[in-house]
Amino acid sequence: MYWTYELNVLCGLDKRAHVRMKNGEEFDCIPDSLVYDDDDSEIMAVRQLPSERMRLLPEDKIESVTEIE
């Protein structure tokens, strides 16, 4: 639960993040909220930039999260 925690902290600070997924995809986003799936696993809802399309990021799919200044 490390990466969802990091995104949730950035959400509380009103910061943006650069996310690298395990499948090689990378994008910038605005962390929005912490949600839970049917198994009570934490998933971070983010607004992917530049379109601000909502996206759910499960912990096990995230490789890294970096704050954007």
PDB file of N, CA and C in Angstrom:
ATOM      1  N   MET A   1       0.810  -1.195   0.000  1.00  0.00           N
ATOM      2  CA  MET A   1       0.000   0.000   0.000  1.00  0.00           C
ATOM      3  C   MET A   1       0.852   1.257   0.000  1.00  0.00           C
ATOM      4  N   TYR A   2       2.044   1.138  -0.415  1.00  0.00           N
ATOM      5  CA  TYR A   2       2.957   2.269  -0.390  1.00  0.00           C
ATOM      6  C   TYR A   2       2.585   3.344  -1.410  1.00  0.00           C
ATOM      7  N   TRP A   3       2.352   2.969  -2.683  1.00  0.00           N
ATOM      8  CA  TRP A   3       2.121   3.967  -3.721  1.00  0.00           C
ATOM      9  C   TRP A   3       0.769   4.637  -3.564  1.00  0.00           C
ATOM     10  N   THR A   4      -0.263   3.888  -3.161  1.00  0.00           N
ATOM     11  CA  THR A   4      -1.555   4.541  -2.925  1.00  0.00           C
ATOM     12  C   THR A   4      -1.443   5.513  -1.760  1.00  0.00           C
ATOM     13  N   TYR A   5      -0.646   5.156  -0.759  1.00  0.00           N
ATOM     14  CA  TYR A   5      -0.405   6.066   0.370  1.00  0.00           C
ATOM     15  C   TYR A   5       0.258   7.356  -0.116  1.00  0.00           C
ATOM     16  N   GLU A   6       1.290   7.227  -0.948  1.00  0.00           N
ATOM     17  CA  GLU A   6       1.991   8.407  -1.481  1.00  0.00           C
ATOM     18  C   GLU A   6       1.041   9.294  -2.281  1.00  0.00           C
ATOM     19  N   LEU A   7       0.209   8.682  -3.127  1.00  0.00           N
ATOM     20  CA  LEU A   7      -0.750   9.464  -3.900  1.00  0.00           C
ATOM     21  C   LEU A   7      -1.773  10.136  -2.994  1.00  0.00           C
ATOM     22  N   ASN A   8      -2.188   9.468  -1.943  1.00  0.00           N
ATOM     23  CA  ASN A   8      -3.153  10.046  -1.011  1.00  0.00           C
ATOM     24  C   ASN A   8      -2.549  11.241  -0.270  1.00  0.00           C
ATOM     25  N   VAL A   9      -1.276  11.156   0.103  1.00  0.00           N
ATOM     26  CA  VAL A   9      -0.589  12.286   0.743  1.00  0.00           C
ATOM     27  C   VAL A   9      -0.539  13.473  -0.221  1.00  0.00           C
ATOM     28  N   LEU A  10      -0.177  13.215  -1.477  1.00  0.00           N
ATOM     29  CA  LEU A  10      -0.116  14.289  -2.468  1.00  0.00           C
ATOM     30  C   LEU A  10      -1.499  14.905  -2.694  1.00  0.00           C
ATOM     31  N   CYS A  11      -2.536  14.078  -2.615  1.00  0.00           N
ATOM     32  CA  CYS A  11      -3.905  14.576  -2.741  1.00  0.00           C
ATOM     33  C   CYS A  11      -4.198  15.579  -1.625  1.00  0.00           C
ATOM     34  N   GLY A  12      -3.836  15.221  -0.404  1.00  0.00           N
ATOM     35  CA  GLY A  12      -4.072  16.092   0.743  1.00  0.00           C
ATOM     36  C   GLY A  12      -3.297  17.396   0.669  1.00  0.00           C
ATOM     37  N   LEU A  13      -2.168  17.382  -0.021  1.00  0.00           N
ATOM     38  CA  LEU A  13      -1.339  18.576  -0.175  1.00  0.00           C
ATOM     39  C   LEU A  13      -1.669  19.361  -1.446  1.00  0.00           C
ATOM     40  N   ASP A  14      -2.663  18.869  -2.209  1.00  0.00           N
ATOM     41  CA  ASP A  14      -3.080  19.497  -3.458  1.00  0.00           C
ATOM     42  C   ASP A  14      -1.913  19.567  -4.451  1.00  0.00           C
ATOM     43  N   LYS A  15      -1.174  18.462  -4.555  1.00  0.00           N
ATOM     44  CA  LYS A  15      -0.017  18.376  -5.455  1.00  0.00           C
ATOM     45  C   LYS A  15      -0.339  17.457  -6.625  1.00  0.00           C
ATOM     46  N   ARG A  16       0.438  17.567  -7.674  1.00  0.00           N
ATOM     47  CA  ARG A  16       0.333  16.687  -8.846  1.00  0.00           C
ATOM     48  C   ARG A  16       1.406  15.615  -8.761  1.00  0.00           C
ATOM     49  N   ALA A  17       1.207  14.545  -9.536  1.00  0.00           N
ATOM     50  CA  ALA A  17       2.149  13.428  -9.491  1.00  0.00           C
ATOM     51  C   ALA A  17       2.444  12.902 -10.893  1.00  0.00           C
ATOM     52  N   HIS A  18       3.645  12.344 -11.038  1.00  0.00           N
ATOM     53  CA  HIS A  18       4.008  11.586 -12.231  1.00  0.00           C
ATOM     54  C   HIS A  18       3.981  10.126 -11.826  1.00  0.00           C
ATOM     55  N   VAL A  19       3.221   9.325 -12.556  1.00  0.00           N
ATOM     56  CA  VAL A  19       3.056   7.907 -12.222  1.00  0.00           C
ATOM     57  C   VAL A  19       3.666   7.053 -13.320  1.00  0.00           C
ATOM     58  N   ARG A  20       4.391   6.047 -12.911  1.00  0.00           N
ATOM     59  CA  ARG A  20       4.932   5.043 -13.834  1.00  0.00           C
ATOM     60  C   ARG A  20       4.261   3.716 -13.463  1.00  0.00           C
ATOM     61  N   MET A  21       3.598   3.117 -14.447  1.00  0.00           N
ATOM     62  CA  MET A  21       2.912   1.856 -14.229  1.00  0.00           C
ATOM     63  C   MET A  21       3.851   0.692 -14.560  1.00  0.00           C
ATOM     64  N   LYS A  22       3.567  -0.475 -14.012  1.00  0.00           N
ATOM     65  CA  LYS A  22       4.413  -1.652 -14.244  1.00  0.00           C
ATOM     66  C   LYS A  22       4.400  -2.099 -15.701  1.00  0.00           C
ATOM     67  N   ASN A  23       3.362  -1.718 -16.458  1.00  0.00           N
ATOM     68  CA  ASN A  23       3.300  -2.083 -17.875  1.00  0.00           C
ATOM     69  C   ASN A  23       4.090  -1.119 -18.759  1.00  0.00           C
ATOM     70  N   GLY A  24       4.782  -0.138 -18.151  1.00  0.00           N
ATOM     71  CA  GLY A  24       5.605   0.811 -18.894  1.00  0.00           C
ATOM     72  C   GLY A  24       4.928   2.134 -19.186  1.00  0.00           C
ATOM     73  N   GLU A  25       3.639   2.228 -18.966  1.00  0.00           N
ATOM     74  CA  GLU A  25       2.907   3.474 -19.201  1.00  0.00           C
ATOM     75  C   GLU A  25       3.310   4.519 -18.158  1.00  0.00           C
ATOM     76  N   GLU A  26       3.416   5.780 -18.597  1.00  0.00           N
ATOM     77  CA  GLU A  26       3.734   6.890 -17.698  1.00  0.00           C
ATOM     78  C   GLU A  26       2.795   8.045 -18.000  1.00  0.00           C
ATOM     79  N   PHE A  27       2.392   8.768 -16.957  1.00  0.00           N
ATOM     80  CA  PHE A  27       1.521   9.913 -17.145  1.00  0.00           C
ATOM     81  C   PHE A  27       1.553  10.797 -15.904  1.00  0.00           C
ATOM     82  N   ASP A  28       1.138  12.056 -16.089  1.00  0.00           N
ATOM     83  CA  ASP A  28       0.976  12.985 -14.987  1.00  0.00           C
ATOM     84  C   ASP A  28      -0.489  12.949 -14.561  1.00  0.00           C
ATOM     85  N   CYS A  29      -0.726  13.226 -13.291  1.00  0.00           N
ATOM     86  CA  CYS A  29      -2.095  13.180 -12.797  1.00  0.00           C
ATOM     87  C   CYS A  29      -2.277  14.088 -11.589  1.00  0.00           C
ATOM     88  N   ILE A  30      -3.552  14.292 -11.269  1.00  0.00           N
ATOM     89  CA  ILE A  30      -3.946  14.986 -10.049  1.00  0.00           C
ATOM     90  C   ILE A  30      -4.619  13.938  -9.168  1.00  0.00           C
ATOM     91  N   PRO A  31      -3.989  13.530  -8.063  1.00  0.00           N
ATOM     92  CA  PRO A  31      -4.622  12.563  -7.169  1.00  0.00           C
ATOM     93  C   PRO A  31      -5.952  13.116  -6.662  1.00  0.00           C
ATOM     94  N   ASP A  32      -6.996  12.289  -6.664  1.00  0.00           N
ATOM     95  CA  ASP A  32      -8.333  12.769  -6.338  1.00  0.00           C
ATOM     96  C   ASP A  32      -8.885  12.188  -5.043  1.00  0.00           C
ATOM     97  N   SER A  33      -8.911  10.861  -4.922  1.00  0.00           N
ATOM     98  CA  SER A  33      -9.481  10.266  -3.711  1.00  0.00           C
ATOM     99  C   SER A  33      -9.079   8.808  -3.580  1.00  0.00           C
ATOM    100  N   LEU A  34      -9.125   8.337  -2.359  1.00  0.00           N
ATOM    101  CA  LEU A  34      -8.834   6.941  -2.053  1.00  0.00           C
ATOM    102  C   LEU A  34     -10.155   6.193  -2.038  1.00  0.00           C
ATOM    103  N   VAL A  35     -10.238   5.106  -2.806  1.00  0.00           N
ATOM    104  CA  VAL A  35     -11.452   4.297  -2.866  1.00  0.00           C
ATOM    105  C   VAL A  35     -11.087   2.848  -2.560  1.00  0.00           C
ATOM    106  N   TYR A  36     -12.090   2.013  -2.407  1.00  0.00           N
ATOM    107  CA  TYR A  36     -11.876   0.603  -2.069  1.00  0.00           C
ATOM    108  C   TYR A  36     -12.617  -0.281  -3.054  1.00  0.00           C
ATOM    109  N   ASP A  37     -11.988  -1.408  -3.427  1.00  0.00           N
ATOM    110  CA  ASP A  37     -12.660  -2.356  -4.311  1.00  0.00           C
ATOM    111  C   ASP A  37     -13.499  -3.330  -3.475  1.00  0.00           C
ATOM    112  N   ASP A  38     -14.058  -4.336  -4.112  1.00  0.00           N
ATOM    113  CA  ASP A  38     -14.931  -5.298  -3.426  1.00  0.00           C
ATOM    114  C   ASP A  38     -14.212  -6.100  -2.353  1.00  0.00           C
ATOM    115  N   ASP A  39     -12.885  -6.211  -2.453  1.00  0.00           N
ATOM    116  CA  ASP A  39     -12.084  -6.945  -1.464  1.00  0.00           C
ATOM    117  C   ASP A  39     -11.502  -6.026  -0.401  1.00  0.00           C
ATOM    118  N   ASP A  40     -11.955  -4.781  -0.358  1.00  0.00           N
ATOM    119  CA  ASP A  40     -11.456  -3.756   0.566  1.00  0.00           C
ATOM    120  C   ASP A  40      -9.991  -3.396   0.332  1.00  0.00           C
ATOM    121  N   SER A  41      -9.505  -3.615  -0.889  1.00  0.00           N
ATOM    122  CA  SER A  41      -8.152  -3.183  -1.254  1.00  0.00           C
ATOM    123  C   SER A  41      -8.207  -1.717  -1.655  1.00  0.00           C
ATOM    124  N   GLU A  42      -7.185  -0.952  -1.238  1.00  0.00           N
ATOM    125  CA  GLU A  42      -7.137   0.474  -1.563  1.00  0.00           C
ATOM    126  C   GLU A  42      -6.776   0.688  -3.025  1.00  0.00           C
ATOM    127  N   ILE A  43      -7.498   1.607  -3.644  1.00  0.00           N
ATOM    128  CA  ILE A  43      -7.261   2.011  -5.028  1.00  0.00           C
ATOM    129  C   ILE A  43      -7.308   3.532  -5.045  1.00  0.00           C
ATOM    130  N   MET A  44      -6.372   4.155  -5.740  1.00  0.00           N
ATOM    131  CA  MET A  44      -6.352   5.611  -5.810  1.00  0.00           C
ATOM    132  C   MET A  44      -7.042   6.074  -7.082  1.00  0.00           C
ATOM    133  N   ALA A  45      -8.012   6.967  -6.927  1.00  0.00           N
ATOM    134  CA  ALA A  45      -8.656   7.602  -8.071  1.00  0.00           C
ATOM    135  C   ALA A  45      -7.864   8.865  -8.393  1.00  0.00           C
ATOM    136  N   VAL A  46      -7.500   9.025  -9.660  1.00  0.00           N
ATOM    137  CA  VAL A  46      -6.734  10.189 -10.099  1.00  0.00           C
ATOM    138  C   VAL A  46      -7.381  10.785 -11.344  1.00  0.00           C
ATOM    139  N   ARG A  47      -7.059  12.051 -11.603  1.00  0.00           N
ATOM    140  CA  ARG A  47      -7.451  12.694 -12.854  1.00  0.00           C
ATOM    141  C   ARG A  47      -6.212  12.745 -13.729  1.00  0.00           C
ATOM    142  N   GLN A  48      -6.213  11.936 -14.784  1.00  0.00           N
ATOM    143  CA  GLN A  48      -5.058  11.853 -15.677  1.00  0.00           C
ATOM    144  C   GLN A  48      -4.977  13.118 -16.517  1.00  0.00           C
ATOM    145  N   LEU A  49      -3.779  13.676 -16.597  1.00  0.00           N
ATOM    146  CA  LEU A  49      -3.562  14.899 -17.368  1.00  0.00           C
ATOM    147  C   LEU A  49      -3.084  14.579 -18.772  1.00  0.00           C
ATOM    148  N   PRO A  50      -3.388  15.366 -19.779  1.00  0.00           N
ATOM    149  CA  PRO A  50      -4.031  16.671 -19.717  1.00  0.00           C
ATOM    150  C   PRO A  50      -5.562  16.620 -19.782  1.00  0.00           C
ATOM    151  N   SER A  51      -6.163  15.474 -20.075  1.00  0.00           N
ATOM    152  CA  SER A  51      -7.617  15.410 -20.287  1.00  0.00           C
ATOM    153  C   SER A  51      -8.430  15.470 -18.998  1.00  0.00           C
ATOM    154  N   GLU A  52      -7.803  15.189 -17.851  1.00  0.00           N
ATOM    155  CA  GLU A  52      -8.448  15.098 -16.538  1.00  0.00           C
ATOM    156  C   GLU A  52      -9.485  13.975 -16.492  1.00  0.00           C
ATOM    157  N   ARG A  53      -9.284  12.947 -17.325  1.00  0.00           N
ATOM    158  CA  ARG A  53     -10.125  11.758 -17.296  1.00  0.00           C
ATOM    159  C   ARG A  53      -9.864  11.004 -16.000  1.00  0.00           C
ATOM    160  N   MET A  54     -10.922  10.582 -15.319  1.00  0.00           N
ATOM    161  CA  MET A  54     -10.770   9.830 -14.070  1.00  0.00           C
ATOM    162  C   MET A  54     -10.238   8.443 -14.373  1.00  0.00           C
ATOM    163  N   ARG A  55      -9.353   7.993 -13.487  1.00  0.00           N
ATOM    164  CA  ARG A  55      -8.730   6.683 -13.654  1.00  0.00           C
ATOM    165  C   ARG A  55      -8.488   6.087 -12.276  1.00  0.00           C
ATOM    166  N   LEU A  56      -8.674   4.773 -12.152  1.00  0.00           N
ATOM    167  CA  LEU A  56      -8.428   4.071 -10.896  1.00  0.00           C
ATOM    168  C   LEU A  56      -7.087   3.351 -10.985  1.00  0.00           C
ATOM    169  N   LEU A  57      -6.240   3.542  -9.962  1.00  0.00           N
ATOM    170  CA  LEU A  57      -4.907   2.949  -9.961  1.00  0.00           C
ATOM    171  C   LEU A  57      -4.763   1.977  -8.794  1.00  0.00           C
ATOM    172  N   PRO A  58      -4.827   0.661  -9.077  1.00  0.00           N
ATOM    173  CA  PRO A  58      -4.593  -0.325  -8.027  1.00  0.00           C
ATOM    174  C   PRO A  58      -3.115  -0.346  -7.644  1.00  0.00           C
ATOM    175  N   GLU A  59      -2.842  -0.549  -6.379  1.00  0.00           N
ATOM    176  CA  GLU A  59      -1.468  -0.574  -5.855  1.00  0.00           C
ATOM    177  C   GLU A  59      -0.563  -1.520  -6.641  1.00  0.00           C
ATOM    178  N   ASP A  60      -1.050  -2.699  -6.960  1.00  0.00           N
ATOM    179  CA  ASP A  60      -0.196  -3.714  -7.583  1.00  0.00           C
ATOM    180  C   ASP A  60       0.151  -3.416  -9.042  1.00  0.00           C
ATOM    181  N   LYS A  61      -0.429  -2.377  -9.623  1.00  0.00           N
ATOM    182  CA  LYS A  61      -0.131  -1.989 -11.007  1.00  0.00           C
ATOM    183  C   LYS A  61       0.835  -0.813 -11.091  1.00  0.00           C
ATOM    184  N   ILE A  62       1.103  -0.144  -9.957  1.00  0.00           N
ATOM    185  CA  ILE A  62       1.951   1.058  -9.939  1.00  0.00           C
ATOM    186  C   ILE A  62       3.404   0.669  -9.677  1.00  0.00           C
ATOM    187  N   GLU A  63       4.308   1.205 -10.487  1.00  0.00           N
ATOM    188  CA  GLU A  63       5.738   0.975 -10.280  1.00  0.00           C
ATOM    189  C   GLU A  63       6.359   2.086  -9.440  1.00  0.00           C
ATOM    190  N   SER A  64       5.968   3.355  -9.713  1.00  0.00           N
ATOM    191  CA  SER A  64       6.515   4.461  -8.918  1.00  0.00           C
ATOM    192  C   SER A  64       5.629   5.693  -9.034  1.00  0.00           C
ATOM    193  N   VAL A  65       5.781   6.574  -8.035  1.00  0.00           N
ATOM    194  CA  VAL A  65       5.058   7.848  -7.985  1.00  0.00           C
ATOM    195  C   VAL A  65       6.067   8.922  -7.613  1.00  0.00           C
ATOM    196  N   THR A  66       6.059  10.026  -8.361  1.00  0.00           N
ATOM    197  CA  THR A  66       6.953  11.151  -8.082  1.00  0.00           C
ATOM    198  C   THR A  66       6.132  12.431  -8.042  1.00  0.00           C
ATOM    199  N   GLU A  67       6.357  13.252  -7.041  1.00  0.00           N
ATOM    200  CA  GLU A  67       5.675  14.544  -6.958  1.00  0.00           C
ATOM    201  C   GLU A  67       6.164  15.455  -8.069  1.00  0.00           C
ATOM    202  N   ILE A  68       5.218  16.194  -8.664  1.00  0.00           N
ATOM    203  CA  ILE A  68       5.554  17.201  -9.666  1.00  0.00           C
ATOM    204  C   ILE A  68       5.561  18.554  -8.995  1.00  0.00           C
ATOM    205  N   GLU A  69       6.629  19.295  -9.165  1.00  0.00           N
ATOM    206  CA  GLU A  69       6.739  20.643  -8.568  1.00  0.00           C
ATOM    207  C   GLU A  69       5.937  21.646  -9.342  1.00  0.00           C
TER     208      GLU A  69
END
